[in-house]
Each structure stands twice: as C-alpha cells, then as structure tokens.
N, C-alpha and C. Protein backbone atom coordinates (compact mmCIF):
# COMPACT_ATOMS: atom_id res chain seq x y z
N UNK A 1 -29.54 -58.45 -29.36
CA UNK A 1 -29.06 -57.51 -28.36
C UNK A 1 -27.55 -57.43 -28.49
N UNK A 2 -27.02 -56.20 -28.52
CA UNK A 2 -25.58 -56.06 -28.63
C UNK A 2 -24.92 -56.35 -27.29
N UNK A 3 -23.62 -56.55 -27.32
CA UNK A 3 -22.89 -56.95 -26.12
C UNK A 3 -22.58 -55.81 -25.17
N UNK A 4 -23.00 -54.58 -25.50
CA UNK A 4 -22.67 -53.45 -24.64
C UNK A 4 -23.73 -53.26 -23.57
N UNK A 5 -23.28 -53.05 -22.36
CA UNK A 5 -24.21 -52.75 -21.28
C UNK A 5 -24.55 -51.27 -21.31
N UNK A 6 -25.72 -50.95 -20.82
CA UNK A 6 -26.08 -49.55 -20.67
C UNK A 6 -25.61 -49.10 -19.29
N UNK A 7 -24.68 -48.17 -19.27
CA UNK A 7 -24.17 -47.66 -18.01
C UNK A 7 -24.76 -46.27 -17.80
N UNK A 8 -25.63 -46.12 -16.81
CA UNK A 8 -26.23 -44.81 -16.61
C UNK A 8 -25.18 -43.80 -16.12
N UNK A 9 -25.27 -42.60 -16.65
CA UNK A 9 -24.36 -41.54 -16.24
C UNK A 9 -25.14 -40.50 -15.46
N UNK A 10 -24.51 -39.97 -14.45
CA UNK A 10 -25.13 -38.89 -13.69
C UNK A 10 -24.91 -37.58 -14.42
N UNK A 11 -25.84 -36.68 -14.23
CA UNK A 11 -25.63 -35.33 -14.73
C UNK A 11 -24.59 -34.65 -13.85
N UNK A 12 -24.04 -33.54 -14.32
CA UNK A 12 -23.09 -32.81 -13.50
C UNK A 12 -23.76 -32.31 -12.23
N UNK A 13 -25.01 -31.90 -12.36
CA UNK A 13 -25.75 -31.47 -11.16
C UNK A 13 -25.92 -32.65 -10.21
N UNK A 14 -26.17 -33.83 -10.75
CA UNK A 14 -26.29 -35.02 -9.91
C UNK A 14 -25.00 -35.34 -9.18
N UNK A 15 -23.87 -35.16 -9.86
CA UNK A 15 -22.57 -35.40 -9.24
C UNK A 15 -22.37 -34.41 -8.08
N UNK A 16 -22.68 -33.14 -8.33
CA UNK A 16 -22.52 -32.11 -7.30
C UNK A 16 -23.50 -32.36 -6.15
N UNK A 17 -24.73 -32.72 -6.48
CA UNK A 17 -25.74 -33.00 -5.44
C UNK A 17 -25.26 -34.12 -4.53
N UNK A 18 -24.73 -35.19 -5.12
CA UNK A 18 -24.24 -36.31 -4.31
C UNK A 18 -23.08 -35.89 -3.41
N UNK A 19 -22.20 -35.03 -3.93
CA UNK A 19 -21.07 -34.56 -3.11
C UNK A 19 -21.56 -33.68 -1.97
N UNK A 20 -22.53 -32.82 -2.25
CA UNK A 20 -23.08 -31.96 -1.20
C UNK A 20 -23.76 -32.82 -0.13
N UNK A 21 -24.48 -33.85 -0.58
CA UNK A 21 -25.15 -34.74 0.37
C UNK A 21 -24.12 -35.49 1.23
N UNK A 22 -23.05 -35.97 0.61
CA UNK A 22 -22.00 -36.67 1.35
C UNK A 22 -21.34 -35.72 2.36
N UNK A 23 -21.12 -34.49 1.94
CA UNK A 23 -20.55 -33.46 2.82
C UNK A 23 -21.45 -33.25 4.04
N UNK A 24 -22.75 -33.12 3.78
CA UNK A 24 -23.72 -32.94 4.87
C UNK A 24 -23.66 -34.10 5.85
N UNK A 25 -23.67 -35.32 5.31
CA UNK A 25 -23.66 -36.51 6.16
C UNK A 25 -22.37 -36.60 6.97
N UNK A 26 -21.27 -36.34 6.30
CA UNK A 26 -19.97 -36.45 6.95
C UNK A 26 -19.82 -35.45 8.10
N UNK A 27 -20.29 -34.24 7.88
CA UNK A 27 -20.18 -33.19 8.90
C UNK A 27 -21.36 -33.19 9.87
N UNK A 28 -22.39 -34.00 9.54
CA UNK A 28 -23.64 -34.01 10.32
C UNK A 28 -24.27 -32.62 10.36
N UNK A 29 -24.31 -32.00 9.18
CA UNK A 29 -24.86 -30.66 9.05
C UNK A 29 -26.25 -30.71 8.44
N UNK A 30 -27.00 -29.65 8.66
CA UNK A 30 -28.28 -29.47 7.99
C UNK A 30 -28.01 -28.88 6.61
N UNK A 31 -29.03 -28.89 5.76
CA UNK A 31 -28.89 -28.24 4.46
C UNK A 31 -28.63 -26.75 4.65
N UNK A 32 -29.21 -26.16 5.69
CA UNK A 32 -29.00 -24.74 5.96
C UNK A 32 -27.52 -24.45 6.23
N UNK A 33 -26.87 -25.33 6.98
CA UNK A 33 -25.44 -25.13 7.30
C UNK A 33 -24.59 -25.23 6.04
N UNK A 34 -24.90 -26.21 5.18
CA UNK A 34 -24.15 -26.36 3.94
C UNK A 34 -24.39 -25.16 3.03
N UNK A 35 -25.66 -24.75 2.90
CA UNK A 35 -25.98 -23.60 2.06
C UNK A 35 -25.27 -22.35 2.58
N UNK A 36 -25.16 -22.22 3.89
CA UNK A 36 -24.46 -21.07 4.47
C UNK A 36 -22.99 -21.08 4.06
N UNK A 37 -22.37 -22.26 4.01
CA UNK A 37 -20.98 -22.37 3.56
C UNK A 37 -20.85 -21.98 2.09
N UNK A 38 -21.82 -22.40 1.27
CA UNK A 38 -21.80 -22.07 -0.16
C UNK A 38 -21.96 -20.57 -0.35
N UNK A 39 -22.91 -19.97 0.37
CA UNK A 39 -23.14 -18.52 0.27
C UNK A 39 -21.89 -17.76 0.74
N UNK A 40 -21.29 -18.21 1.83
CA UNK A 40 -20.08 -17.55 2.33
C UNK A 40 -18.97 -17.62 1.28
N UNK A 41 -18.82 -18.78 0.63
CA UNK A 41 -17.79 -18.93 -0.40
C UNK A 41 -18.09 -18.04 -1.61
N UNK A 42 -19.37 -17.89 -1.93
CA UNK A 42 -19.78 -17.01 -3.04
C UNK A 42 -19.24 -15.60 -2.82
N UNK A 43 -19.41 -15.08 -1.62
CA UNK A 43 -18.95 -13.72 -1.34
C UNK A 43 -17.44 -13.66 -1.13
N UNK A 44 -16.87 -14.64 -0.44
CA UNK A 44 -15.42 -14.64 -0.18
C UNK A 44 -14.61 -14.78 -1.46
N UNK A 45 -15.13 -15.52 -2.43
CA UNK A 45 -14.39 -15.75 -3.68
C UNK A 45 -14.52 -14.59 -4.66
N UNK A 46 -15.39 -13.63 -4.34
CA UNK A 46 -15.59 -12.49 -5.24
C UNK A 46 -16.54 -12.78 -6.38
N UNK A 47 -17.24 -13.91 -6.33
CA UNK A 47 -18.18 -14.26 -7.40
C UNK A 47 -19.30 -13.24 -7.51
N UNK A 48 -19.62 -12.57 -6.41
CA UNK A 48 -20.69 -11.56 -6.45
C UNK A 48 -20.30 -10.37 -7.32
N UNK A 49 -19.02 -10.17 -7.57
CA UNK A 49 -18.58 -9.10 -8.46
C UNK A 49 -18.64 -9.49 -9.92
N UNK A 50 -18.80 -10.79 -10.19
CA UNK A 50 -18.84 -11.28 -11.56
C UNK A 50 -20.27 -11.61 -11.97
N UNK A 51 -20.98 -12.28 -11.09
CA UNK A 51 -22.33 -12.73 -11.42
C UNK A 51 -23.19 -12.57 -10.18
N UNK A 52 -24.14 -11.65 -10.25
CA UNK A 52 -24.92 -11.30 -9.07
C UNK A 52 -26.05 -12.29 -8.82
N UNK A 53 -26.06 -12.83 -7.63
CA UNK A 53 -27.15 -13.66 -7.14
C UNK A 53 -27.59 -13.02 -5.84
N UNK A 54 -28.87 -12.83 -5.68
CA UNK A 54 -29.36 -12.18 -4.47
C UNK A 54 -29.65 -13.22 -3.40
N UNK A 55 -28.61 -13.58 -2.68
CA UNK A 55 -28.78 -14.47 -1.53
C UNK A 55 -29.31 -13.65 -0.36
N UNK A 56 -30.03 -14.32 0.51
CA UNK A 56 -30.47 -13.67 1.75
C UNK A 56 -29.27 -13.58 2.67
N UNK A 57 -29.05 -12.41 3.24
CA UNK A 57 -27.91 -12.24 4.14
C UNK A 57 -28.41 -11.97 5.54
N UNK A 58 -27.66 -12.47 6.47
CA UNK A 58 -28.03 -12.25 7.86
C UNK A 58 -27.46 -10.91 8.29
N UNK A 59 -28.34 -9.95 8.46
CA UNK A 59 -27.93 -8.62 8.90
C UNK A 59 -28.63 -8.30 10.21
N UNK A 60 -28.12 -7.32 10.89
CA UNK A 60 -28.74 -6.96 12.17
C UNK A 60 -30.18 -6.51 11.93
N UNK A 61 -31.05 -6.94 12.80
CA UNK A 61 -32.46 -6.59 12.68
C UNK A 61 -33.25 -7.56 11.82
N UNK A 62 -32.56 -8.50 11.17
CA UNK A 62 -33.25 -9.49 10.34
C UNK A 62 -33.21 -10.85 11.03
N UNK A 63 -34.12 -11.70 10.61
CA UNK A 63 -34.20 -13.04 11.17
C UNK A 63 -33.16 -13.93 10.48
N UNK A 64 -32.08 -14.32 11.16
CA UNK A 64 -31.04 -15.13 10.51
C UNK A 64 -31.54 -16.51 10.10
N UNK A 65 -32.45 -17.09 10.85
CA UNK A 65 -32.97 -18.42 10.50
C UNK A 65 -33.75 -18.37 9.19
N UNK A 66 -34.47 -17.29 8.98
CA UNK A 66 -35.23 -17.15 7.73
C UNK A 66 -34.28 -17.05 6.53
N UNK A 67 -33.19 -16.29 6.70
CA UNK A 67 -32.20 -16.16 5.63
C UNK A 67 -31.57 -17.52 5.33
N UNK A 68 -31.18 -18.26 6.37
CA UNK A 68 -30.58 -19.58 6.17
C UNK A 68 -31.55 -20.53 5.47
N UNK A 69 -32.81 -20.50 5.89
CA UNK A 69 -33.83 -21.38 5.30
C UNK A 69 -34.07 -21.03 3.83
N UNK A 70 -34.17 -19.74 3.53
CA UNK A 70 -34.39 -19.30 2.15
C UNK A 70 -33.23 -19.73 1.25
N UNK A 71 -32.01 -19.51 1.71
CA UNK A 71 -30.84 -19.90 0.91
C UNK A 71 -30.76 -21.41 0.74
N UNK A 72 -31.10 -22.17 1.79
CA UNK A 72 -31.08 -23.63 1.71
C UNK A 72 -32.11 -24.13 0.71
N UNK A 73 -33.30 -23.54 0.71
CA UNK A 73 -34.33 -23.94 -0.25
C UNK A 73 -33.88 -23.66 -1.68
N UNK A 74 -33.21 -22.53 -1.88
CA UNK A 74 -32.73 -22.17 -3.22
C UNK A 74 -31.67 -23.17 -3.69
N UNK A 75 -30.71 -23.49 -2.82
CA UNK A 75 -29.66 -24.45 -3.19
C UNK A 75 -30.28 -25.82 -3.48
N UNK A 76 -31.24 -26.24 -2.67
CA UNK A 76 -31.91 -27.53 -2.89
C UNK A 76 -32.62 -27.55 -4.24
N UNK A 77 -33.28 -26.47 -4.60
CA UNK A 77 -33.95 -26.39 -5.92
C UNK A 77 -32.93 -26.49 -7.04
N UNK A 78 -31.81 -25.79 -6.90
CA UNK A 78 -30.78 -25.80 -7.94
C UNK A 78 -30.20 -27.19 -8.14
N UNK A 79 -30.11 -27.97 -7.08
CA UNK A 79 -29.48 -29.29 -7.16
C UNK A 79 -30.47 -30.42 -7.45
N UNK A 80 -31.74 -30.09 -7.62
CA UNK A 80 -32.77 -31.11 -7.88
C UNK A 80 -33.05 -31.20 -9.37
N UNK A 81 -32.32 -32.08 -10.04
CA UNK A 81 -32.60 -32.32 -11.46
C UNK A 81 -33.30 -33.67 -11.66
N UNK A 82 -33.76 -34.26 -10.55
CA UNK A 82 -34.45 -35.54 -10.64
C UNK A 82 -35.95 -35.37 -10.78
N UNK A 83 -36.52 -34.34 -10.17
CA UNK A 83 -37.98 -34.16 -10.22
C UNK A 83 -38.39 -33.02 -11.12
N UNK A 84 -37.43 -32.27 -11.66
CA UNK A 84 -37.77 -31.15 -12.54
C UNK A 84 -36.60 -30.85 -13.47
N UNK A 85 -36.86 -30.06 -14.48
CA UNK A 85 -35.79 -29.70 -15.40
C UNK A 85 -35.68 -28.19 -15.59
N UNK A 86 -36.22 -27.44 -14.66
CA UNK A 86 -36.09 -25.98 -14.70
C UNK A 86 -35.53 -25.49 -13.37
N UNK A 87 -35.09 -24.27 -13.36
CA UNK A 87 -34.53 -23.63 -12.15
C UNK A 87 -33.38 -24.45 -11.56
N UNK A 88 -32.51 -24.95 -12.43
CA UNK A 88 -31.37 -25.75 -11.98
C UNK A 88 -30.17 -24.86 -11.68
N UNK A 89 -29.14 -25.45 -11.11
CA UNK A 89 -27.92 -24.73 -10.75
C UNK A 89 -27.38 -24.00 -11.98
N UNK A 90 -27.27 -22.67 -11.91
CA UNK A 90 -26.70 -21.93 -13.03
C UNK A 90 -25.23 -22.32 -13.23
N UNK A 91 -24.82 -22.39 -14.49
CA UNK A 91 -23.44 -22.78 -14.80
C UNK A 91 -22.42 -21.87 -14.12
N UNK A 92 -22.74 -20.59 -13.99
CA UNK A 92 -21.81 -19.66 -13.36
C UNK A 92 -21.63 -19.91 -11.87
N UNK A 93 -22.55 -20.64 -11.26
CA UNK A 93 -22.42 -20.94 -9.83
C UNK A 93 -21.76 -22.29 -9.57
N UNK A 94 -21.53 -23.07 -10.61
CA UNK A 94 -20.88 -24.37 -10.43
C UNK A 94 -19.52 -24.22 -9.73
N UNK A 95 -18.65 -23.27 -10.16
CA UNK A 95 -17.38 -23.12 -9.45
C UNK A 95 -17.54 -22.70 -7.99
N UNK A 96 -18.60 -21.98 -7.68
CA UNK A 96 -18.84 -21.55 -6.29
C UNK A 96 -19.17 -22.76 -5.42
N UNK A 97 -20.07 -23.61 -5.90
CA UNK A 97 -20.45 -24.79 -5.12
C UNK A 97 -19.26 -25.73 -4.99
N UNK A 98 -18.54 -25.95 -6.09
CA UNK A 98 -17.35 -26.81 -6.03
C UNK A 98 -16.31 -26.23 -5.08
N UNK A 99 -16.12 -24.92 -5.13
CA UNK A 99 -15.13 -24.27 -4.28
C UNK A 99 -15.46 -24.34 -2.80
N UNK A 100 -16.74 -24.45 -2.48
CA UNK A 100 -17.15 -24.55 -1.08
C UNK A 100 -16.93 -25.95 -0.52
N UNK A 101 -16.90 -26.95 -1.40
CA UNK A 101 -16.73 -28.33 -0.94
C UNK A 101 -15.34 -28.55 -0.35
N UNK A 102 -15.21 -29.49 0.58
CA UNK A 102 -13.88 -29.88 1.04
C UNK A 102 -13.07 -30.44 -0.14
N UNK A 103 -11.75 -30.31 -0.07
CA UNK A 103 -10.89 -30.65 -1.21
C UNK A 103 -11.11 -32.07 -1.72
N UNK A 104 -11.27 -33.07 -0.84
CA UNK A 104 -11.42 -34.44 -1.33
C UNK A 104 -12.72 -34.60 -2.12
N UNK A 105 -13.79 -33.96 -1.67
CA UNK A 105 -15.07 -34.05 -2.39
C UNK A 105 -15.02 -33.24 -3.68
N UNK A 106 -14.35 -32.11 -3.65
CA UNK A 106 -14.19 -31.29 -4.86
C UNK A 106 -13.43 -32.09 -5.92
N UNK A 107 -12.35 -32.74 -5.50
CA UNK A 107 -11.55 -33.54 -6.43
C UNK A 107 -12.38 -34.70 -6.98
N UNK A 108 -13.14 -35.37 -6.12
CA UNK A 108 -13.98 -36.48 -6.57
C UNK A 108 -15.01 -36.01 -7.57
N UNK A 109 -15.62 -34.86 -7.31
CA UNK A 109 -16.64 -34.29 -8.22
C UNK A 109 -16.05 -34.02 -9.59
N UNK A 110 -14.98 -33.25 -9.60
CA UNK A 110 -14.41 -32.83 -10.88
C UNK A 110 -13.85 -34.04 -11.63
N UNK A 111 -13.30 -35.01 -10.92
CA UNK A 111 -12.82 -36.23 -11.56
C UNK A 111 -13.97 -36.98 -12.22
N UNK A 112 -15.09 -37.10 -11.51
CA UNK A 112 -16.25 -37.79 -12.07
C UNK A 112 -16.85 -37.02 -13.25
N UNK A 113 -16.81 -35.71 -13.19
CA UNK A 113 -17.36 -34.89 -14.27
C UNK A 113 -16.47 -34.94 -15.52
N UNK A 114 -15.17 -34.87 -15.32
CA UNK A 114 -14.24 -34.77 -16.45
C UNK A 114 -13.76 -36.12 -16.98
N UNK A 115 -13.86 -37.17 -16.16
CA UNK A 115 -13.40 -38.49 -16.57
C UNK A 115 -13.97 -38.97 -17.90
N UNK A 116 -15.31 -38.88 -18.09
CA UNK A 116 -15.88 -39.33 -19.36
C UNK A 116 -15.40 -38.53 -20.57
N UNK A 117 -14.83 -37.34 -20.33
CA UNK A 117 -14.31 -36.52 -21.42
C UNK A 117 -12.83 -36.80 -21.69
N UNK A 118 -12.27 -37.76 -20.93
CA UNK A 118 -10.89 -38.14 -21.15
C UNK A 118 -9.87 -37.34 -20.35
N UNK A 119 -10.33 -36.60 -19.36
CA UNK A 119 -9.41 -35.80 -18.54
C UNK A 119 -9.18 -36.47 -17.20
N UNK A 120 -7.95 -36.35 -16.73
CA UNK A 120 -7.61 -36.77 -15.37
C UNK A 120 -7.36 -35.49 -14.59
N UNK A 121 -7.86 -35.41 -13.40
CA UNK A 121 -7.82 -34.18 -12.63
C UNK A 121 -6.78 -34.30 -11.53
N UNK A 122 -6.05 -33.23 -11.30
CA UNK A 122 -5.06 -33.18 -10.23
C UNK A 122 -5.22 -31.87 -9.47
N UNK A 123 -4.74 -31.86 -8.25
CA UNK A 123 -4.81 -30.65 -7.44
C UNK A 123 -3.65 -29.75 -7.83
N UNK A 124 -3.98 -28.52 -8.20
CA UNK A 124 -2.94 -27.53 -8.49
C UNK A 124 -2.60 -26.83 -7.19
N UNK A 125 -1.33 -26.78 -6.90
CA UNK A 125 -0.90 -26.15 -5.67
C UNK A 125 0.07 -25.04 -6.04
N UNK A 126 -0.22 -23.80 -5.62
CA UNK A 126 0.70 -22.72 -5.98
C UNK A 126 2.08 -22.94 -5.37
N UNK A 127 3.08 -22.50 -6.11
CA UNK A 127 4.45 -22.64 -5.64
C UNK A 127 4.73 -21.75 -4.44
N UNK A 128 5.87 -21.96 -3.84
CA UNK A 128 6.27 -21.17 -2.68
C UNK A 128 7.44 -20.31 -3.16
N UNK A 129 7.17 -19.07 -3.60
CA UNK A 129 8.21 -18.29 -4.26
C UNK A 129 9.43 -17.98 -3.39
N UNK A 130 9.24 -17.61 -2.16
CA UNK A 130 10.36 -17.21 -1.31
C UNK A 130 10.60 -18.22 -0.19
N UNK A 131 10.33 -19.46 -0.46
CA UNK A 131 10.44 -20.47 0.59
C UNK A 131 11.91 -20.73 0.92
N UNK A 132 12.14 -20.96 2.17
CA UNK A 132 13.49 -21.31 2.60
C UNK A 132 13.68 -22.81 2.40
N UNK A 133 14.93 -23.20 2.40
CA UNK A 133 15.25 -24.62 2.25
C UNK A 133 14.58 -25.43 3.36
N UNK A 134 14.64 -24.94 4.59
CA UNK A 134 14.05 -25.66 5.72
C UNK A 134 12.54 -25.82 5.56
N UNK A 135 11.87 -24.77 5.08
CA UNK A 135 10.42 -24.84 4.89
C UNK A 135 10.07 -25.85 3.80
N UNK A 136 10.86 -25.87 2.74
CA UNK A 136 10.61 -26.84 1.66
C UNK A 136 10.86 -28.27 2.13
N UNK A 137 11.92 -28.47 2.90
CA UNK A 137 12.20 -29.81 3.44
C UNK A 137 11.05 -30.26 4.33
N UNK A 138 10.59 -29.37 5.20
CA UNK A 138 9.50 -29.72 6.12
C UNK A 138 8.22 -30.04 5.35
N UNK A 139 7.88 -29.21 4.35
CA UNK A 139 6.67 -29.45 3.56
C UNK A 139 6.76 -30.75 2.78
N UNK A 140 7.92 -30.99 2.15
CA UNK A 140 8.09 -32.22 1.37
C UNK A 140 8.01 -33.45 2.27
N UNK A 141 8.66 -33.40 3.44
CA UNK A 141 8.63 -34.54 4.35
C UNK A 141 7.22 -34.80 4.85
N UNK A 142 6.52 -33.75 5.23
CA UNK A 142 5.15 -33.89 5.76
C UNK A 142 4.22 -34.47 4.70
N UNK A 143 4.19 -33.81 3.53
CA UNK A 143 3.25 -34.22 2.48
C UNK A 143 3.60 -35.59 1.92
N UNK A 144 4.88 -35.86 1.70
CA UNK A 144 5.27 -37.17 1.17
C UNK A 144 4.96 -38.25 2.19
N UNK A 145 5.19 -37.97 3.47
CA UNK A 145 4.87 -38.94 4.52
C UNK A 145 3.38 -39.25 4.57
N UNK A 146 2.56 -38.20 4.49
CA UNK A 146 1.10 -38.41 4.50
C UNK A 146 0.66 -39.19 3.26
N UNK A 147 1.31 -38.90 2.12
CA UNK A 147 0.96 -39.60 0.88
C UNK A 147 1.30 -41.08 0.99
N UNK A 148 2.48 -41.40 1.49
CA UNK A 148 2.89 -42.80 1.64
C UNK A 148 1.97 -43.51 2.64
N UNK A 149 1.63 -42.84 3.73
CA UNK A 149 0.74 -43.44 4.73
C UNK A 149 -0.64 -43.73 4.13
N UNK A 150 -1.19 -42.78 3.38
CA UNK A 150 -2.51 -42.98 2.77
C UNK A 150 -2.46 -44.10 1.73
N UNK A 151 -1.38 -44.13 0.94
CA UNK A 151 -1.25 -45.15 -0.09
C UNK A 151 -1.08 -46.53 0.53
N UNK A 152 -0.37 -46.62 1.64
CA UNK A 152 -0.12 -47.92 2.26
C UNK A 152 -1.40 -48.53 2.85
N UNK A 153 -2.40 -47.70 3.12
CA UNK A 153 -3.65 -48.20 3.69
C UNK A 153 -4.61 -48.78 2.65
N UNK A 154 -4.28 -48.58 1.38
CA UNK A 154 -5.18 -49.05 0.33
C UNK A 154 -5.08 -50.56 0.14
N UNK A 155 -6.21 -51.15 -0.14
CA UNK A 155 -6.27 -52.58 -0.46
C UNK A 155 -7.37 -52.75 -1.50
N UNK A 156 -7.42 -53.90 -2.12
CA UNK A 156 -8.47 -54.15 -3.10
C UNK A 156 -9.83 -53.97 -2.46
N UNK A 157 -10.75 -53.36 -3.18
CA UNK A 157 -12.11 -53.21 -2.69
C UNK A 157 -12.34 -51.99 -1.82
N UNK A 158 -11.40 -51.05 -1.78
CA UNK A 158 -11.60 -49.85 -0.98
C UNK A 158 -12.72 -49.01 -1.58
N UNK A 159 -13.37 -48.24 -0.75
CA UNK A 159 -14.47 -47.39 -1.20
C UNK A 159 -13.91 -46.18 -1.95
N UNK A 160 -14.77 -45.58 -2.77
CA UNK A 160 -14.34 -44.41 -3.53
C UNK A 160 -13.89 -43.26 -2.63
N UNK A 161 -14.58 -42.95 -1.52
CA UNK A 161 -14.09 -41.86 -0.67
C UNK A 161 -12.69 -42.12 -0.11
N UNK A 162 -12.39 -43.37 0.26
CA UNK A 162 -11.06 -43.70 0.78
C UNK A 162 -10.02 -43.54 -0.33
N UNK A 163 -10.36 -44.00 -1.52
CA UNK A 163 -9.45 -43.86 -2.66
C UNK A 163 -9.23 -42.39 -3.00
N UNK A 164 -10.29 -41.58 -2.95
CA UNK A 164 -10.16 -40.16 -3.27
C UNK A 164 -9.31 -39.45 -2.22
N UNK A 165 -9.47 -39.80 -0.95
CA UNK A 165 -8.63 -39.19 0.09
C UNK A 165 -7.16 -39.55 -0.14
N UNK A 166 -6.92 -40.80 -0.54
CA UNK A 166 -5.54 -41.22 -0.84
C UNK A 166 -5.00 -40.43 -2.03
N UNK A 167 -5.85 -40.22 -3.04
CA UNK A 167 -5.41 -39.45 -4.21
C UNK A 167 -5.07 -38.02 -3.81
N UNK A 168 -5.89 -37.42 -2.95
CA UNK A 168 -5.61 -36.06 -2.49
C UNK A 168 -4.24 -36.01 -1.80
N UNK A 169 -3.99 -36.96 -0.90
CA UNK A 169 -2.71 -36.98 -0.18
C UNK A 169 -1.54 -37.18 -1.15
N UNK A 170 -1.71 -38.07 -2.13
CA UNK A 170 -0.65 -38.30 -3.10
C UNK A 170 -0.41 -37.06 -3.95
N UNK A 171 -1.49 -36.36 -4.35
CA UNK A 171 -1.35 -35.13 -5.13
C UNK A 171 -0.63 -34.05 -4.32
N UNK A 172 -0.99 -33.94 -3.03
CA UNK A 172 -0.32 -32.95 -2.18
C UNK A 172 1.15 -33.29 -2.00
N UNK A 173 1.47 -34.59 -1.89
CA UNK A 173 2.86 -35.01 -1.81
C UNK A 173 3.62 -34.66 -3.07
N UNK A 174 3.00 -34.94 -4.21
CA UNK A 174 3.64 -34.61 -5.49
C UNK A 174 3.86 -33.11 -5.61
N UNK A 175 2.87 -32.31 -5.19
CA UNK A 175 3.00 -30.86 -5.28
C UNK A 175 4.15 -30.35 -4.40
N UNK A 176 4.28 -30.92 -3.20
CA UNK A 176 5.37 -30.50 -2.30
C UNK A 176 6.73 -30.86 -2.90
N UNK A 177 6.83 -32.04 -3.51
CA UNK A 177 8.09 -32.43 -4.15
C UNK A 177 8.37 -31.57 -5.38
N UNK A 178 7.33 -31.18 -6.11
CA UNK A 178 7.50 -30.27 -7.26
C UNK A 178 8.02 -28.91 -6.79
N UNK A 179 7.50 -28.43 -5.65
CA UNK A 179 8.01 -27.17 -5.09
C UNK A 179 9.50 -27.28 -4.80
N UNK A 180 9.91 -28.41 -4.24
CA UNK A 180 11.33 -28.62 -3.93
C UNK A 180 12.15 -28.67 -5.21
N UNK A 181 11.65 -29.35 -6.23
CA UNK A 181 12.35 -29.42 -7.52
C UNK A 181 12.47 -28.03 -8.14
N UNK A 182 11.39 -27.26 -8.10
CA UNK A 182 11.43 -25.90 -8.64
C UNK A 182 12.45 -25.04 -7.89
N UNK A 183 12.54 -25.23 -6.60
CA UNK A 183 13.52 -24.49 -5.79
C UNK A 183 14.94 -24.85 -6.22
N UNK A 184 15.19 -26.15 -6.40
CA UNK A 184 16.52 -26.60 -6.84
C UNK A 184 16.81 -26.07 -8.23
N UNK A 185 15.82 -26.10 -9.13
CA UNK A 185 16.02 -25.54 -10.48
C UNK A 185 16.40 -24.06 -10.42
N UNK A 186 15.72 -23.33 -9.54
CA UNK A 186 16.04 -21.91 -9.38
C UNK A 186 17.46 -21.69 -8.88
N UNK A 187 17.88 -22.52 -7.92
CA UNK A 187 19.25 -22.42 -7.40
C UNK A 187 20.27 -22.78 -8.48
N UNK A 188 19.97 -23.79 -9.29
CA UNK A 188 20.87 -24.16 -10.39
C UNK A 188 21.01 -23.02 -11.40
N UNK A 189 19.90 -22.37 -11.70
CA UNK A 189 19.93 -21.24 -12.62
C UNK A 189 20.79 -20.12 -12.06
N UNK A 190 20.64 -19.84 -10.76
CA UNK A 190 21.47 -18.80 -10.11
C UNK A 190 22.94 -19.17 -10.20
N UNK A 191 23.28 -20.44 -9.94
CA UNK A 191 24.68 -20.88 -9.97
C UNK A 191 25.25 -20.75 -11.38
N UNK A 192 24.45 -21.13 -12.39
CA UNK A 192 24.92 -21.01 -13.78
C UNK A 192 25.18 -19.54 -14.12
N UNK A 193 24.27 -18.68 -13.67
CA UNK A 193 24.41 -17.25 -13.93
C UNK A 193 25.67 -16.70 -13.26
N UNK A 194 25.92 -17.10 -12.01
CA UNK A 194 27.12 -16.66 -11.29
C UNK A 194 28.38 -17.14 -12.00
N UNK A 195 28.36 -18.37 -12.50
CA UNK A 195 29.52 -18.93 -13.19
C UNK A 195 29.80 -18.14 -14.47
N UNK A 196 28.76 -17.78 -15.21
CA UNK A 196 28.94 -17.01 -16.44
C UNK A 196 29.50 -15.63 -16.14
N UNK A 197 29.05 -15.01 -15.05
CA UNK A 197 29.55 -13.68 -14.71
C UNK A 197 31.02 -13.71 -14.34
N UNK A 198 31.47 -14.81 -13.72
CA UNK A 198 32.88 -14.94 -13.34
C UNK A 198 33.77 -15.20 -14.55
N UNK A 199 33.21 -15.75 -15.60
CA UNK A 199 34.02 -16.12 -16.78
C UNK A 199 34.42 -14.93 -17.61
C-alpha cells in the first residue's frame, strides 16, 4: 500500500449543493424560498437573455405556491448528483446559483472549486471613479476596521464558515484600501500633468 491517503473530492455540484443547504439552514428558509431567490437572480442578472430556462413565474391569476414548488423541485433535481447522473445543474446556470448565494458562501464555493486547480479566489470590488476624499476615508476606515475585528477573532481550530467570513472582511478591507491607493495615484498623475504644463 502506498503512503498516500485517498482524499475524496466533492463535485462542483456537490460544493454548490452544500452551500445552498448551509444558506437554507442559516436563514431558516425552505427550499422554495431559496429557489425563489435563485430564480429572481436569474432574471435580475439578465441570464434569461443569454440562456433561456422556463421557470414558473408567479403572475396574477396563477397559484404562486405551485410556481414556488415547481421551481424548488427543479433546483433540487439539478443539485442532486448523489442519486442520479442525469438532469444535473446546467453549466450555464452555475453563475446564476453562485450569484444568488450570500457573498461569504459564494466565496467559499468558488474557493473550494478552484483550489484544487491551483487558484486562490478574491472578491473583486469595482472602483469608485468619482469618490471624494471623505468617502474614501470613510470606506477605508470602515472596511479596514471590520477586517481587523474579524481577523482578531480567529484562533486555532476555527470553523470554515468563520474563516470564510474573516476572509470576506479582509478582502473587503483590501479592496477599500486599493480604492484609496488608486485615488492617490490619480491625484499624483494630475499633479505631474499640472507640473509639466507649467514647465
């Protein structure tokens, strides 16, 4: 017997299923409520313009509970790769389900999916193009403070959800500080340009 242990890996659908289940438990929601959030994100994100899925919609004159139940059953079938290997979550809907998840669970999912491929995942935060100095100071102070607070609570043996929440706070702190750095870089560029014009 070789010295290597067999470490079972979850499928990507298994990773997403576990995150959806954790989301349900954390919010104390039914599968129908979670499926409703996923369907809402599907339409809000514009995915219906790229890849058409016929979800049941709650319209006037229709039974909303039936629509919720039908959508929940469909989502449950897509996320069940343990008892079957057909009718699984279509690859084009993976971003929709991930996008519907809360940020900490989304980050945990993508980290678990990409980690074995050698990727480390971070939260991308769009810059603040016309931010004032005061707004940048406030954002940097808030996010950096939350990051330090989350990091200070960590100790050996913390659970993965606690560690992931700390990572989210640290990423948000880093993003806020990057916004401030970008703002300073922009101001430096303006000053250099003004100096050249005066010369």
